[in-house]
N, C-alpha and C. Protein backbone atom coordinates (compact mmCIF):
# COMPACT_ATOMS: atom_id res chain seq x y z
N MET A 1 16.90 17.30 16.43
CA MET A 1 15.55 16.79 16.59
C MET A 1 14.97 16.44 15.22
N ILE A 2 14.37 15.29 15.13
CA ILE A 2 13.78 14.83 13.87
C ILE A 2 12.29 15.10 13.90
N ASN A 3 11.80 15.79 12.88
CA ASN A 3 10.36 16.02 12.74
C ASN A 3 9.77 14.92 11.87
N ILE A 4 8.71 14.32 12.34
CA ILE A 4 8.02 13.29 11.57
C ILE A 4 6.74 13.90 11.02
N ILE A 5 6.60 13.81 9.71
CA ILE A 5 5.41 14.35 9.06
C ILE A 5 4.46 13.20 8.77
N LYS A 6 3.25 13.29 9.26
CA LYS A 6 2.24 12.26 9.03
C LYS A 6 1.39 12.69 7.83
N LEU A 7 1.28 11.80 6.86
CA LEU A 7 0.46 12.09 5.69
C LEU A 7 -1.01 12.11 6.06
N ASP A 8 -1.73 13.07 5.51
CA ASP A 8 -3.18 13.16 5.74
C ASP A 8 -3.83 13.75 4.50
N PHE A 9 -4.56 12.92 3.80
CA PHE A 9 -5.25 13.34 2.59
C PHE A 9 -6.76 13.43 2.83
N SER A 10 -7.16 13.65 4.05
CA SER A 10 -8.58 13.70 4.41
C SER A 10 -9.34 14.65 3.50
N GLY A 11 -10.42 14.14 2.92
CA GLY A 11 -11.28 14.95 2.08
C GLY A 11 -10.79 15.14 0.66
N GLN A 12 -9.57 14.72 0.35
CA GLN A 12 -9.06 14.87 -1.01
C GLN A 12 -9.47 13.66 -1.85
N HIS A 13 -9.68 13.91 -3.12
CA HIS A 13 -10.12 12.87 -4.04
C HIS A 13 -8.91 12.32 -4.80
N ILE A 14 -8.79 10.99 -4.80
CA ILE A 14 -7.74 10.31 -5.55
C ILE A 14 -8.44 9.44 -6.60
N TYR A 15 -8.04 9.61 -7.85
CA TYR A 15 -8.65 8.88 -8.96
C TYR A 15 -7.68 7.81 -9.45
N VAL A 16 -8.20 6.61 -9.64
CA VAL A 16 -7.37 5.48 -10.02
C VAL A 16 -7.94 4.87 -11.30
N ASP A 17 -7.13 4.85 -12.35
CA ASP A 17 -7.51 4.24 -13.61
C ASP A 17 -6.80 2.89 -13.70
N ILE A 18 -7.56 1.83 -13.92
CA ILE A 18 -6.97 0.48 -13.93
C ILE A 18 -7.20 -0.16 -15.29
N ASP A 19 -6.12 -0.57 -15.91
CA ASP A 19 -6.19 -1.34 -17.15
C ASP A 19 -6.03 -2.80 -16.74
N VAL A 20 -7.13 -3.53 -16.75
CA VAL A 20 -7.19 -4.87 -16.18
C VAL A 20 -6.81 -5.93 -17.22
N HIS A 21 -5.84 -6.75 -16.84
CA HIS A 21 -5.45 -7.90 -17.65
C HIS A 21 -5.37 -9.12 -16.74
N LYS A 22 -5.30 -10.28 -17.33
CA LYS A 22 -5.32 -11.52 -16.55
C LYS A 22 -4.11 -11.65 -15.61
N LYS A 23 -2.91 -11.30 -16.09
CA LYS A 23 -1.70 -11.53 -15.30
C LYS A 23 -1.19 -10.30 -14.57
N SER A 24 -1.63 -9.11 -14.95
CA SER A 24 -1.20 -7.89 -14.25
C SER A 24 -2.17 -6.75 -14.56
N TRP A 25 -2.13 -5.74 -13.72
CA TRP A 25 -2.93 -4.53 -13.92
C TRP A 25 -1.98 -3.36 -14.11
N SER A 26 -2.31 -2.50 -15.03
CA SER A 26 -1.61 -1.22 -15.18
C SER A 26 -2.45 -0.18 -14.46
N VAL A 27 -1.84 0.53 -13.52
CA VAL A 27 -2.58 1.45 -12.65
C VAL A 27 -2.02 2.86 -12.81
N CYS A 28 -2.91 3.83 -12.96
CA CYS A 28 -2.54 5.23 -13.03
C CYS A 28 -3.27 5.97 -11.91
N ILE A 29 -2.52 6.66 -11.05
CA ILE A 29 -3.11 7.39 -9.93
C ILE A 29 -3.05 8.88 -10.24
N LEU A 30 -4.20 9.54 -10.12
CA LEU A 30 -4.31 10.96 -10.43
C LEU A 30 -4.94 11.73 -9.27
N THR A 31 -4.58 12.99 -9.17
CA THR A 31 -5.23 13.91 -8.25
C THR A 31 -5.88 15.00 -9.10
N HIS A 32 -6.48 16.00 -8.48
CA HIS A 32 -7.05 17.11 -9.24
C HIS A 32 -5.97 17.90 -9.97
N GLN A 33 -4.76 17.93 -9.43
CA GLN A 33 -3.70 18.75 -9.99
C GLN A 33 -2.82 18.05 -11.02
N PHE A 34 -2.55 16.75 -10.83
CA PHE A 34 -1.57 16.11 -11.70
C PHE A 34 -1.71 14.59 -11.68
N GLU A 35 -1.01 13.96 -12.64
CA GLU A 35 -0.89 12.51 -12.66
C GLU A 35 0.22 12.15 -11.69
N HIS A 36 -0.09 11.40 -10.68
CA HIS A 36 0.86 11.10 -9.62
C HIS A 36 1.84 9.99 -10.01
N LYS A 37 1.29 8.86 -10.48
CA LYS A 37 2.15 7.70 -10.71
C LYS A 37 1.44 6.69 -11.60
N THR A 38 2.20 6.01 -12.43
CA THR A 38 1.69 4.90 -13.23
C THR A 38 2.59 3.70 -12.96
N PHE A 39 1.98 2.53 -12.71
CA PHE A 39 2.76 1.35 -12.38
C PHE A 39 1.97 0.09 -12.71
N SER A 40 2.65 -1.05 -12.73
CA SER A 40 2.02 -2.36 -12.90
C SER A 40 2.00 -3.06 -11.55
N GLN A 41 0.99 -3.90 -11.37
CA GLN A 41 0.86 -4.64 -10.11
C GLN A 41 0.18 -5.97 -10.38
N PRO A 42 0.25 -6.89 -9.41
CA PRO A 42 -0.48 -8.15 -9.55
C PRO A 42 -1.98 -7.89 -9.63
N PRO A 43 -2.73 -8.78 -10.27
CA PRO A 43 -4.18 -8.58 -10.41
C PRO A 43 -4.94 -8.91 -9.13
N ASP A 44 -4.77 -8.08 -8.13
CA ASP A 44 -5.37 -8.33 -6.82
C ASP A 44 -5.84 -7.00 -6.23
N PRO A 45 -7.15 -6.84 -5.99
CA PRO A 45 -7.67 -5.59 -5.44
C PRO A 45 -7.05 -5.20 -4.10
N SER A 46 -6.70 -6.18 -3.27
CA SER A 46 -6.15 -5.85 -1.95
C SER A 46 -4.77 -5.19 -2.07
N VAL A 47 -3.99 -5.55 -3.07
CA VAL A 47 -2.67 -4.94 -3.27
C VAL A 47 -2.85 -3.45 -3.55
N LEU A 48 -3.77 -3.10 -4.43
CA LEU A 48 -4.02 -1.70 -4.76
C LEU A 48 -4.62 -0.95 -3.58
N ALA A 49 -5.59 -1.55 -2.91
CA ALA A 49 -6.24 -0.89 -1.77
C ALA A 49 -5.23 -0.60 -0.66
N ASN A 50 -4.36 -1.54 -0.37
CA ASN A 50 -3.34 -1.33 0.67
C ASN A 50 -2.36 -0.25 0.27
N SER A 51 -1.98 -0.22 -1.00
CA SER A 51 -1.06 0.81 -1.49
C SER A 51 -1.69 2.20 -1.37
N LEU A 52 -2.95 2.31 -1.74
CA LEU A 52 -3.63 3.61 -1.65
C LEU A 52 -3.76 4.07 -0.20
N LYS A 53 -4.13 3.17 0.68
CA LYS A 53 -4.28 3.53 2.09
C LYS A 53 -2.94 3.93 2.71
N ARG A 54 -1.86 3.28 2.29
CA ARG A 54 -0.54 3.59 2.81
C ARG A 54 -0.02 4.94 2.28
N ASN A 55 -0.23 5.21 0.99
CA ASN A 55 0.31 6.41 0.36
C ASN A 55 -0.61 7.63 0.40
N PHE A 56 -1.92 7.39 0.53
CA PHE A 56 -2.90 8.48 0.56
C PHE A 56 -3.91 8.26 1.68
N PRO A 57 -3.45 8.20 2.93
CA PRO A 57 -4.37 7.91 4.03
C PRO A 57 -5.44 8.98 4.19
N GLY A 58 -6.67 8.52 4.39
CA GLY A 58 -7.77 9.44 4.62
C GLY A 58 -8.43 9.98 3.37
N ALA A 59 -7.88 9.67 2.20
CA ALA A 59 -8.44 10.19 0.94
C ALA A 59 -9.74 9.48 0.58
N ILE A 60 -10.45 10.05 -0.36
CA ILE A 60 -11.63 9.44 -0.95
C ILE A 60 -11.17 8.89 -2.29
N TYR A 61 -11.29 7.59 -2.48
CA TYR A 61 -10.74 6.93 -3.66
C TYR A 61 -11.85 6.65 -4.67
N TYR A 62 -11.52 6.88 -5.95
CA TYR A 62 -12.42 6.56 -7.06
C TYR A 62 -11.64 5.71 -8.04
N ALA A 63 -12.16 4.52 -8.35
CA ALA A 63 -11.49 3.62 -9.28
C ALA A 63 -12.36 3.44 -10.52
N GLY A 64 -11.73 3.47 -11.67
CA GLY A 64 -12.42 3.24 -12.93
C GLY A 64 -11.67 2.22 -13.76
N TYR A 65 -12.42 1.34 -14.43
CA TYR A 65 -11.79 0.31 -15.24
C TYR A 65 -12.83 -0.26 -16.19
N GLU A 66 -12.37 -1.01 -17.18
CA GLU A 66 -13.26 -1.68 -18.11
C GLU A 66 -13.63 -3.04 -17.53
N ALA A 67 -14.91 -3.27 -17.33
CA ALA A 67 -15.35 -4.50 -16.67
C ALA A 67 -15.19 -5.72 -17.57
N GLY A 68 -15.60 -5.62 -18.79
CA GLY A 68 -15.44 -6.73 -19.71
C GLY A 68 -16.18 -7.99 -19.28
N TYR A 69 -15.67 -9.11 -19.73
CA TYR A 69 -16.35 -10.39 -19.60
C TYR A 69 -16.45 -10.89 -18.16
N TYR A 70 -15.40 -10.90 -17.41
CA TYR A 70 -15.40 -11.55 -16.09
C TYR A 70 -14.93 -10.64 -14.96
N ARG A 71 -14.95 -9.36 -15.13
CA ARG A 71 -14.28 -8.47 -14.18
C ARG A 71 -15.22 -7.76 -13.20
N PHE A 72 -16.46 -8.13 -13.11
CA PHE A 72 -17.37 -7.46 -12.18
C PHE A 72 -17.01 -7.73 -10.72
N TRP A 73 -16.28 -8.79 -10.46
CA TRP A 73 -15.85 -9.10 -9.09
C TRP A 73 -14.96 -7.99 -8.54
N ILE A 74 -14.22 -7.31 -9.40
CA ILE A 74 -13.35 -6.22 -8.95
C ILE A 74 -14.20 -5.11 -8.35
N HIS A 75 -15.27 -4.76 -9.04
CA HIS A 75 -16.19 -3.73 -8.56
C HIS A 75 -16.74 -4.12 -7.19
N ASP A 76 -17.17 -5.36 -7.04
CA ASP A 76 -17.72 -5.83 -5.77
C ASP A 76 -16.70 -5.73 -4.64
N GLN A 77 -15.46 -6.09 -4.92
CA GLN A 77 -14.41 -6.01 -3.90
C GLN A 77 -14.19 -4.57 -3.45
N TYR A 78 -14.08 -3.66 -4.40
CA TYR A 78 -13.81 -2.26 -4.05
C TYR A 78 -14.98 -1.62 -3.32
N GLU A 79 -16.19 -1.88 -3.77
CA GLU A 79 -17.36 -1.25 -3.15
C GLU A 79 -17.63 -1.81 -1.75
N LYS A 80 -17.59 -3.11 -1.59
CA LYS A 80 -17.99 -3.73 -0.33
C LYS A 80 -16.84 -3.86 0.66
N ARG A 81 -15.74 -4.43 0.22
CA ARG A 81 -14.65 -4.74 1.15
C ARG A 81 -13.77 -3.54 1.47
N TYR A 82 -13.48 -2.71 0.44
CA TYR A 82 -12.53 -1.62 0.65
C TYR A 82 -13.19 -0.25 0.70
N ARG A 83 -14.50 -0.20 0.53
CA ARG A 83 -15.26 1.05 0.60
C ARG A 83 -14.71 2.13 -0.33
N MET A 84 -14.32 1.69 -1.53
CA MET A 84 -13.87 2.61 -2.55
C MET A 84 -14.99 2.79 -3.56
N HIS A 85 -15.10 3.97 -4.11
CA HIS A 85 -16.06 4.22 -5.17
C HIS A 85 -15.50 3.62 -6.45
N SER A 86 -16.31 2.86 -7.15
CA SER A 86 -15.81 2.16 -8.33
C SER A 86 -16.78 2.35 -9.48
N ARG A 87 -16.24 2.64 -10.65
CA ARG A 87 -17.06 2.76 -11.85
C ARG A 87 -16.48 1.84 -12.90
N LYS A 88 -17.36 1.07 -13.51
CA LYS A 88 -16.91 0.15 -14.54
C LYS A 88 -17.60 0.51 -15.86
N SER A 89 -16.90 0.34 -16.95
CA SER A 89 -17.52 0.51 -18.26
C SER A 89 -17.50 -0.83 -18.96
N CYS A 90 -18.54 -1.11 -19.67
CA CYS A 90 -18.65 -2.43 -20.34
C CYS A 90 -18.29 -2.32 -21.79
């Protein structure tokens, strides 16, 4: 008999640090206990949001990144479309 384990991160906080560049983003995912993973991805909020929902379902997500000159749209996407908490530094 095969047991299937369903992931459930309900109520847990996942912190995401994003180093934003024009052609790719460097992403670091952290929990309260440890640094989970660091990786590069295309510069698209939906790619990151889908990855987080798939790997950490039910979690509360917090994203932080440097907003800079043209990057406020990222904050808007995360707050409105993906219901993620987002903090930007200028």
